[in-house]
Amino acid sequence: MTIVNGLSQTFQWGAAWRDMVINAQRLESELDRIRVTPADSRQPAAELKSLNDLVGGERREFFQRVVGGGAPSQNRVLPN
């Protein structure tokens, strides 16, 4: 039983790791978008909200995966 429980935890953490890597790539692409946007075209408040939403969404989904309480959303998209 201990071995089966250990394997179960391994797969759960593997999925969490995969999702965190995907989220990190989304954050990098958002940072790249901000870097190439001319300074006079930037909207700092909207960009910060977008980044905060990405980070907050990942945090909520991480705890849902690890602790339980619902399936993570499947269709997360990077906000514009």
Protein backbone atom coordinates (compact mmCIF):
# COMPACT_ATOMS: atom_id res chain seq x y z
CA MET A 1 0.00 0.00 0.00
CA THR A 2 2.86 2.37 0.80
CA ILE A 3 4.46 1.79 -2.60
CA VAL A 4 1.17 2.42 -4.42
CA ASN A 5 0.63 5.60 -2.39
CA GLY A 6 4.17 6.76 -3.21
CA LEU A 7 3.63 6.17 -6.92
CA SER A 8 0.35 8.06 -6.76
CA GLN A 9 2.09 11.05 -5.15
CA THR A 10 4.84 10.93 -7.77
CA PHE A 11 2.37 11.18 -10.62
CA GLN A 12 0.43 13.94 -8.86
CA TRP A 13 3.57 16.01 -8.35
CA GLY A 14 4.67 15.28 -11.92
CA ALA A 15 1.45 16.77 -13.26
CA ALA A 16 1.83 19.78 -10.98
CA TRP A 17 5.40 20.27 -12.20
CA ARG A 18 4.32 20.05 -15.84
CA ASP A 19 1.59 22.65 -15.32
CA MET A 20 4.00 24.98 -13.52
CA VAL A 21 6.47 24.74 -16.41
CA ILE A 22 3.69 25.55 -18.87
CA ASN A 23 2.67 28.53 -16.75
CA ALA A 24 6.28 29.72 -16.59
CA GLN A 25 6.38 29.66 -20.40
CA ARG A 26 3.18 31.72 -20.50
CA LEU A 27 4.71 34.24 -18.13
CA GLU A 28 7.85 34.43 -20.27
CA SER A 29 5.82 35.05 -23.40
CA GLU A 30 3.86 37.79 -21.60
CA LEU A 31 7.17 39.37 -20.51
CA ASP A 32 8.43 39.20 -24.10
CA ARG A 33 5.22 40.87 -25.31
CA ILE A 34 5.70 43.68 -22.78
CA ARG A 35 9.35 44.11 -23.77
CA VAL A 36 8.60 44.55 -27.47
CA THR A 37 5.65 46.88 -26.90
CA PRO A 38 6.75 50.50 -27.35
CA ALA A 39 6.74 52.43 -24.07
CA ASP A 40 4.10 54.87 -25.28
CA SER A 41 1.75 51.98 -26.17
CA ARG A 42 1.99 50.14 -22.86
CA GLN A 43 -0.87 49.96 -20.41
CA PRO A 44 0.83 49.25 -17.06
CA ALA A 45 -2.34 48.66 -15.05
CA ALA A 46 -3.74 46.17 -17.58
CA GLU A 47 -0.38 44.41 -17.93
CA LEU A 48 0.01 44.03 -14.16
CA LYS A 49 -3.54 42.71 -13.88
CA SER A 50 -2.78 40.18 -16.62
CA LEU A 51 0.38 38.99 -14.86
CA ASN A 52 -1.36 38.85 -11.47
CA ASP A 53 -4.22 36.84 -12.99
CA LEU A 54 -1.77 34.34 -14.47
CA VAL A 55 0.10 33.90 -11.19
CA GLY A 56 -3.07 33.79 -9.08
CA GLY A 57 -4.70 31.27 -11.42
CA GLU A 58 -1.69 28.99 -11.27
CA ARG A 59 -1.59 29.19 -7.47
CA ARG A 60 -5.29 28.27 -7.18
CA GLU A 61 -4.96 25.41 -9.66
CA PHE A 62 -1.82 24.10 -7.95
CA PHE A 63 -3.60 23.82 -4.62
CA GLN A 64 -6.64 22.27 -6.28
CA ARG A 65 -4.40 19.59 -7.81
CA VAL A 66 -2.38 18.92 -4.68
CA VAL A 67 -5.07 19.19 -2.01
CA GLY A 68 -8.08 18.28 -4.12
CA GLY A 69 -11.35 20.06 -4.45
CA GLY A 70 -11.88 20.05 -8.17
CA ALA A 71 -10.25 19.47 -11.49
CA PRO A 72 -7.99 22.16 -12.93
CA SER A 73 -9.35 24.15 -15.81
CA GLN A 74 -8.29 22.81 -19.19
CA ASN A 75 -8.56 25.93 -21.35
CA ARG A 76 -6.34 28.52 -19.77
CA VAL A 77 -5.31 31.12 -22.29
CA LEU A 78 -2.95 34.01 -22.05
CA PRO A 79 -4.93 37.24 -21.64
CA ASN A 80 -4.40 39.99 -24.20
